[in-house]
Amino acid sequence: MNKNSNHLKTLALVCVLGLAQPAAHAHHAFSAEFDAEKPVELKGKVTKLELVNPHSWLYLDVAQQDGNVANWGFEFGAPFNLKQKGITKASLPIGSEISIQGFRAKNGKNFGYAVTTTLSDGRSVKTGGAQDAPGAGSGQSAGQ
């Protein structure tokens, strides 16, 4: 019985340690939130850039066919990776016009995953961070 008790204590310790991992390791896969069958390409004006871990977010106002404006949010990669590619708040100021190629969220709302972002200066940068996303690993930037 003592042997079984030690095994249970070890198993409990392993479970507790597994749950104590930092939130940054609780990383979702591309396919959990985004639809590889629904590509999007949008142009708009930057309204906000959040450089936060584990995923940064960029928001932009997009003119709709009916004349209304819709605000979209796009998931980007981690801030450190973006900085290595030249993406900072200075390179994406509020009001700058950009275009994004990526994939729409599965929930159908105005959210997506940004694979490539073309900045107002013409540079195209791979801005996504998910390893399992379509187009991941096809280079850092077409304009560099």
Protein backbone atom coordinates (compact mmCIF):
# COMPACT_ATOMS: atom_id res chain seq x y z
CA MET A 1 0.00 0.00 0.00
CA ASN A 2 2.89 2.36 0.72
CA LYS A 3 4.18 1.85 -2.82
CA ASN A 4 0.78 2.82 -4.29
CA SER A 5 0.64 5.87 -2.04
CA ASN A 6 4.03 7.06 -3.35
CA HIS A 7 2.86 6.57 -6.94
CA LEU A 8 -0.26 8.63 -6.26
CA LYS A 9 1.78 11.40 -4.65
CA THR A 10 4.14 11.45 -7.64
CA LEU A 11 1.23 11.55 -10.08
CA ALA A 12 -0.39 14.40 -8.12
CA LEU A 13 2.88 16.35 -8.16
CA VAL A 14 3.25 15.90 -11.91
CA CYS A 15 -0.33 17.13 -12.44
CA VAL A 16 0.20 20.18 -10.24
CA LEU A 17 3.44 21.08 -12.00
CA GLY A 18 1.76 20.67 -15.36
CA LEU A 19 -0.99 23.09 -14.37
CA ALA A 20 1.52 25.59 -13.04
CA GLN A 21 2.98 26.34 -16.48
CA PRO A 22 2.91 30.05 -17.41
CA ALA A 23 -0.01 31.27 -19.51
CA ALA A 24 2.38 31.97 -22.39
CA HIS A 25 2.71 28.23 -22.87
CA ALA A 26 -1.07 27.84 -23.23
CA HIS A 27 -0.76 28.50 -26.93
CA HIS A 28 -3.57 27.77 -29.32
CA ALA A 29 -3.09 26.41 -32.79
CA PHE A 30 -4.07 28.42 -35.89
CA SER A 31 -6.82 25.91 -36.67
CA ALA A 32 -8.44 26.41 -33.25
CA GLU A 33 -9.63 29.92 -34.12
CA PHE A 34 -9.07 30.59 -37.82
CA ASP A 35 -10.38 29.03 -41.03
CA ALA A 36 -7.77 28.13 -43.67
CA GLU A 37 -10.65 27.85 -46.18
CA LYS A 38 -11.63 31.51 -45.73
CA PRO A 39 -8.80 33.76 -46.94
CA VAL A 40 -9.28 37.52 -46.60
CA GLU A 41 -7.48 40.48 -48.12
CA LEU A 42 -8.43 43.85 -46.68
CA LYS A 43 -7.24 47.44 -46.91
CA GLY A 44 -7.87 49.92 -44.17
CA LYS A 45 -6.61 52.50 -41.70
CA VAL A 46 -4.86 51.44 -38.50
CA THR A 47 -6.87 52.27 -35.37
CA LYS A 48 -4.81 50.41 -32.75
CA LEU A 49 -1.74 48.20 -32.37
CA GLU A 50 -1.35 46.07 -29.25
CA LEU A 51 2.16 44.63 -28.94
CA VAL A 52 1.45 42.01 -26.28
CA ASN A 53 2.51 38.41 -25.65
CA PRO A 54 1.87 35.80 -26.82
CA HIS A 55 0.10 37.41 -29.82
CA SER A 56 0.00 41.03 -30.86
CA TRP A 57 -3.18 42.49 -32.36
CA LEU A 58 -3.71 45.13 -35.00
CA TYR A 59 -7.08 46.80 -35.55
CA LEU A 60 -8.09 48.68 -38.68
CA ASP A 61 -11.13 50.41 -40.10
CA VAL A 62 -12.22 48.90 -43.40
CA ALA A 63 -14.67 50.61 -45.76
CA GLN A 64 -17.52 48.26 -46.67
CA GLN A 65 -19.32 48.11 -50.03
CA ASP A 66 -22.37 49.77 -48.46
CA GLY A 67 -20.28 52.78 -47.39
CA ASN A 68 -20.17 51.87 -43.71
CA VAL A 69 -16.89 51.29 -41.91
CA ALA A 70 -16.17 48.07 -40.02
CA ASN A 71 -13.37 47.66 -37.50
CA TRP A 72 -11.38 44.44 -37.94
CA GLY A 73 -8.88 42.87 -35.54
CA PHE A 74 -5.98 40.75 -36.80
CA GLU A 75 -3.74 38.49 -34.79
CA PHE A 76 -0.04 39.09 -35.34
CA GLY A 77 2.99 37.26 -33.95
CA ALA A 78 4.84 38.00 -30.72
CA PRO A 79 6.23 41.53 -30.22
CA PHE A 80 9.87 40.38 -30.24
CA ASN A 81 9.47 38.61 -33.59
CA LEU A 82 7.67 41.61 -35.06
CA LYS A 83 10.40 43.97 -33.87
CA GLN A 84 13.01 41.78 -35.59
CA LYS A 85 11.05 42.31 -38.82
CA GLY A 86 10.84 46.08 -38.33
CA ILE A 87 7.28 46.20 -37.00
CA THR A 88 6.85 48.72 -34.20
CA LYS A 89 4.23 51.29 -33.22
CA ALA A 90 6.24 53.78 -35.28
CA SER A 91 5.97 51.63 -38.43
CA LEU A 92 2.19 51.21 -37.98
CA PRO A 93 0.96 54.58 -36.70
CA ILE A 94 -2.74 55.17 -36.16
CA GLY A 95 -4.31 56.37 -39.40
CA SER A 96 -1.77 54.75 -41.71
CA GLU A 97 -3.24 52.84 -44.64
CA ILE A 98 -2.22 49.19 -44.90
CA SER A 99 -3.39 45.96 -46.46
CA ILE A 100 -3.53 42.54 -44.85
CA GLN A 101 -3.68 39.08 -46.36
CA GLY A 102 -4.75 36.36 -44.00
CA PHE A 103 -7.60 34.17 -42.88
CA ARG A 104 -10.93 34.89 -41.26
CA ALA A 105 -11.93 33.76 -37.78
CA LYS A 106 -14.09 30.65 -37.59
CA ASN A 107 -16.75 32.53 -35.62
CA GLY A 108 -17.46 34.77 -38.65
CA LYS A 109 -16.86 38.00 -36.75
CA ASN A 110 -14.52 40.74 -37.98
CA PHE A 111 -11.36 39.03 -36.77
CA GLY A 112 -8.62 37.27 -38.62
CA TYR A 113 -5.09 35.97 -38.67
CA ALA A 114 -2.61 38.16 -40.58
CA VAL A 115 -0.15 36.23 -42.73
CA THR A 116 1.26 39.20 -44.65
CA THR A 117 0.88 42.90 -43.96
CA THR A 118 1.78 45.54 -46.52
CA LEU A 119 2.76 48.76 -44.81
CA SER A 120 2.09 52.27 -46.12
CA ASP A 121 5.74 52.47 -47.28
CA GLY A 122 5.18 49.43 -49.54
CA ARG A 123 7.05 46.84 -47.46
CA SER A 124 5.35 43.45 -47.15
CA VAL A 125 6.07 41.67 -43.89
CA LYS A 126 5.12 38.21 -42.63
CA THR A 127 3.30 39.22 -39.47
CA GLY A 128 1.75 35.95 -38.31
CA GLY A 129 3.31 33.81 -35.63
CA ALA A 130 1.49 30.46 -35.69
CA GLN A 131 3.69 27.61 -36.88
CA ASP A 132 0.73 25.69 -38.29
CA ALA A 133 -0.80 28.59 -40.26
CA PRO A 134 -0.97 28.41 -44.05
CA GLY A 135 1.99 30.35 -45.44
CA ALA A 136 4.02 30.09 -42.23
CA GLY A 137 7.69 29.48 -42.85
CA SER A 138 7.69 30.99 -46.33
CA GLY A 139 10.17 33.69 -45.44
CA GLN A 140 10.25 36.82 -43.34
CA SER A 141 9.42 39.55 -45.74
CA ALA A 142 8.93 40.00 -49.43
CA GLY A 143 10.21 43.56 -49.28
CA GLN A 144 13.47 43.01 -47.42
